[in-house]
Amino acid sequence: MALSLERVTEAWQKTDANRDGILCEKEVETLLDRLNMRLSRKEFKSFFREADKDKGGTITFAEFVTMLEGLYSRPAVVDAVTKVFPFSKALTPKEICTFMRDVQKDEAF
């Protein structure tokens, strides 16, 4: 699913709490919590390492975009969305955003 640049930028701005232009582990943990994604510490560390492509210890905007695209391609997210939109064969970006905003309570959408 392609996310709109506007939505990604809005999500980035809400996630980058200290406005330093990068995301630390705590900011990414907060994002995942907002998305109702509960990971063990070990799972989170693995997730963060995978997202941190340049191994800089933080998430850049480019890495954030890739991370979001990966999140929205996860089967669990797709399963949850299809329960809300049961008659959809393919979900539109608007349906995904509605799900994330209304069901997942993610204000970035």
C-alpha atoms as a PDB file:
ATOM      1  CA  MET A   1       0.000   0.000   0.000  1.00  0.00           C
ATOM      2  CA  ALA A   2       1.347   3.404  -0.888  1.00  0.00           C
ATOM      3  CA  LEU A   3       0.997   5.953   1.879  1.00  0.00           C
ATOM      4  CA  SER A   4       0.530   9.583   0.929  1.00  0.00           C
ATOM      5  CA  LEU A   5       3.471  11.873   1.610  1.00  0.00           C
ATOM      6  CA  GLU A   6       1.125  14.183   3.502  1.00  0.00           C
ATOM      7  CA  ARG A   7       0.047  11.410   5.887  1.00  0.00           C
ATOM      8  CA  VAL A   8       3.592  10.119   6.349  1.00  0.00           C
ATOM      9  CA  THR A   9       4.842  13.635   7.081  1.00  0.00           C
ATOM     10  CA  GLU A  10       2.019  14.193   9.567  1.00  0.00           C
ATOM     11  CA  ALA A  11       2.776  10.867  11.278  1.00  0.00           C
ATOM     12  CA  TRP A  12       6.496  11.780  11.373  1.00  0.00           C
ATOM     13  CA  GLN A  13       5.795  15.142  12.975  1.00  0.00           C
ATOM     14  CA  LYS A  14       3.627  13.539  15.644  1.00  0.00           C
ATOM     15  CA  THR A  15       6.196  10.813  16.287  1.00  0.00           C
ATOM     16  CA  ASP A  16       9.301  13.058  16.426  1.00  0.00           C
ATOM     17  CA  ALA A  17       8.336  14.392  19.861  1.00  0.00           C
ATOM     18  CA  ASN A  18      11.508  16.399  20.471  1.00  0.00           C
ATOM     19  CA  ARG A  19      11.658  17.731  16.875  1.00  0.00           C
ATOM     20  CA  ASP A  20      15.291  16.773  16.355  1.00  0.00           C
ATOM     21  CA  GLY A  21      14.692  15.260  12.913  1.00  0.00           C
ATOM     22  CA  ILE A  22      15.371  11.646  13.948  1.00  0.00           C
ATOM     23  CA  LEU A  23      13.484   9.071  15.976  1.00  0.00           C
ATOM     24  CA  CYS A  24      14.954   7.462  19.064  1.00  0.00           C
ATOM     25  CA  GLU A  25      13.797   4.136  20.467  1.00  0.00           C
ATOM     26  CA  LYS A  26      11.364   5.794  22.888  1.00  0.00           C
ATOM     27  CA  GLU A  27       9.649   7.714  20.073  1.00  0.00           C
ATOM     28  CA  VAL A  28       9.266   4.529  18.014  1.00  0.00           C
ATOM     29  CA  GLU A  29       7.943   2.669  21.079  1.00  0.00           C
ATOM     30  CA  THR A  30       5.363   5.420  21.547  1.00  0.00           C
ATOM     31  CA  LEU A  31       4.313   5.123  17.895  1.00  0.00           C
ATOM     32  CA  LEU A  32       3.897   1.351  18.149  1.00  0.00           C
ATOM     33  CA  ASP A  33       1.906   1.800  21.336  1.00  0.00           C
ATOM     34  CA  ARG A  34      -0.418   4.242  19.540  1.00  0.00           C
ATOM     35  CA  LEU A  35      -0.861   1.601  16.842  1.00  0.00           C
ATOM     36  CA  ASN A  36      -1.740  -0.961  19.547  1.00  0.00           C
ATOM     37  CA  MET A  37       1.283  -3.049  18.604  1.00  0.00           C
ATOM     38  CA  ARG A  38       2.530  -4.694  21.756  1.00  0.00           C
ATOM     39  CA  LEU A  39       6.021  -6.119  21.379  1.00  0.00           C
ATOM     40  CA  SER A  40       8.262  -7.716  23.957  1.00  0.00           C
ATOM     41  CA  ARG A  41      11.516  -5.859  24.590  1.00  0.00           C
ATOM     42  CA  LYS A  42      13.375  -8.443  22.499  1.00  0.00           C
ATOM     43  CA  GLU A  43      10.856  -8.130  19.639  1.00  0.00           C
ATOM     44  CA  PHE A  44      11.057  -4.346  19.801  1.00  0.00           C
ATOM     45  CA  LYS A  45      14.864  -4.348  19.682  1.00  0.00           C
ATOM     46  CA  SER A  46      14.754  -6.625  16.644  1.00  0.00           C
ATOM     47  CA  PHE A  47      12.096  -4.430  14.990  1.00  0.00           C
ATOM     48  CA  PHE A  48      14.134  -1.273  15.664  1.00  0.00           C
ATOM     49  CA  ARG A  49      17.377  -2.813  14.348  1.00  0.00           C
ATOM     50  CA  GLU A  50      15.572  -3.871  11.183  1.00  0.00           C
ATOM     51  CA  ALA A  51      14.128  -0.376  10.694  1.00  0.00           C
ATOM     52  CA  ASP A  52      17.502   1.299  11.365  1.00  0.00           C
ATOM     53  CA  LYS A  53      18.948   0.507   7.931  1.00  0.00           C
ATOM     54  CA  ASP A  54      22.027   2.738   8.310  1.00  0.00           C
ATOM     55  CA  LYS A  55      22.733   1.321  11.806  1.00  0.00           C
ATOM     56  CA  GLY A  56      22.945   4.848  13.221  1.00  0.00           C
ATOM     57  CA  GLY A  57      20.978   3.990  16.357  1.00  0.00           C
ATOM     58  CA  THR A  58      18.065   6.223  15.306  1.00  0.00           C
ATOM     59  CA  ILE A  59      15.398   6.232  12.600  1.00  0.00           C
ATOM     60  CA  THR A  60      15.695   8.790   9.800  1.00  0.00           C
ATOM     61  CA  PHE A  61      12.728  10.030   7.789  1.00  0.00           C
ATOM     62  CA  ALA A  62      13.602   7.700   4.894  1.00  0.00           C
ATOM     63  CA  GLU A  63      13.831   4.758   7.295  1.00  0.00           C
ATOM     64  CA  PHE A  64      10.511   5.847   8.834  1.00  0.00           C
ATOM     65  CA  VAL A  65       8.795   5.721   5.436  1.00  0.00           C
ATOM     66  CA  THR A  66      10.120   2.205   4.848  1.00  0.00           C
ATOM     67  CA  MET A  67       9.122   1.205   8.379  1.00  0.00           C
ATOM     68  CA  LEU A  68       5.545   2.465   7.908  1.00  0.00           C
ATOM     69  CA  GLU A  69       5.191   0.673   4.586  1.00  0.00           C
ATOM     70  CA  GLY A  70       6.347  -2.503   6.309  1.00  0.00           C
ATOM     71  CA  LEU A  71       3.911  -2.050   9.183  1.00  0.00           C
ATOM     72  CA  TYR A  72       0.981  -1.635   6.834  1.00  0.00           C
ATOM     73  CA  SER A  73       1.924  -4.756   4.914  1.00  0.00           C
ATOM     74  CA  ARG A  74       1.808  -6.951   8.038  1.00  0.00           C
ATOM     75  CA  PRO A  75      -0.821  -9.708   7.877  1.00  0.00           C
ATOM     76  CA  ALA A  76      -2.134  -8.878  11.370  1.00  0.00           C
ATOM     77  CA  VAL A  77      -2.849  -5.298  10.340  1.00  0.00           C
ATOM     78  CA  VAL A  78      -4.469  -6.434   7.096  1.00  0.00           C
ATOM     79  CA  ASP A  79      -6.587  -8.992   9.015  1.00  0.00           C
ATOM     80  CA  ALA A  80      -7.757  -6.368  11.491  1.00  0.00           C
ATOM     81  CA  VAL A  81      -8.608  -3.936   8.706  1.00  0.00           C
ATOM     82  CA  THR A  82     -10.575  -6.515   6.739  1.00  0.00           C
ATOM     83  CA  LYS A  83     -12.709  -7.191   9.818  1.00  0.00           C
ATOM     84  CA  VAL A  84     -13.705  -3.526   9.781  1.00  0.00           C
ATOM     85  CA  PHE A  85     -14.181  -3.460   5.984  1.00  0.00           C
ATOM     86  CA  PRO A  86     -15.409  -7.036   5.327  1.00  0.00           C
ATOM     87  CA  PHE A  87     -16.667  -6.472   1.790  1.00  0.00           C
ATOM     88  CA  SER A  88     -13.481  -4.931   0.476  1.00  0.00           C
ATOM     89  CA  LYS A  89     -11.405  -7.068  -1.834  1.00  0.00           C
ATOM     90  CA  ALA A  90      -8.726  -4.396  -1.976  1.00  0.00           C
ATOM     91  CA  LEU A  91      -8.468  -1.612   0.560  1.00  0.00           C
ATOM     92  CA  THR A  92      -8.215   1.950  -0.566  1.00  0.00           C
ATOM     93  CA  PRO A  93      -5.799   4.335   1.143  1.00  0.00           C
ATOM     94  CA  LYS A  94      -8.839   6.115   2.583  1.00  0.00           C
ATOM     95  CA  GLU A  95     -10.092   2.869   4.154  1.00  0.00           C
ATOM     96  CA  ILE A  96      -6.676   2.192   5.693  1.00  0.00           C
ATOM     97  CA  CYS A  97      -6.513   5.723   7.107  1.00  0.00           C
ATOM     98  CA  THR A  98     -10.067   5.445   8.464  1.00  0.00           C
ATOM     99  CA  PHE A  99      -9.190   2.166  10.147  1.00  0.00           C
ATOM    100  CA  MET A 100      -5.986   3.528  11.657  1.00  0.00           C
ATOM    101  CA  ARG A 101      -7.751   6.665  12.906  1.00  0.00           C
ATOM    102  CA  ASP A 102     -11.047   5.216  14.146  1.00  0.00           C
ATOM    103  CA  VAL A 103     -10.158   1.694  15.223  1.00  0.00           C
ATOM    104  CA  GLN A 104      -6.474   1.890  16.078  1.00  0.00           C
ATOM    105  CA  LYS A 105      -6.975   5.400  17.544  1.00  0.00           C
ATOM    106  CA  ASP A 106      -3.955   6.755  15.662  1.00  0.00           C
ATOM    107  CA  GLU A 107      -4.441  10.506  15.419  1.00  0.00           C
ATOM    108  CA  ALA A 108      -1.788  10.743  12.695  1.00  0.00           C
ATOM    109  CA  PHE A 109      -4.402   9.446  10.284  1.00  0.00           C
END
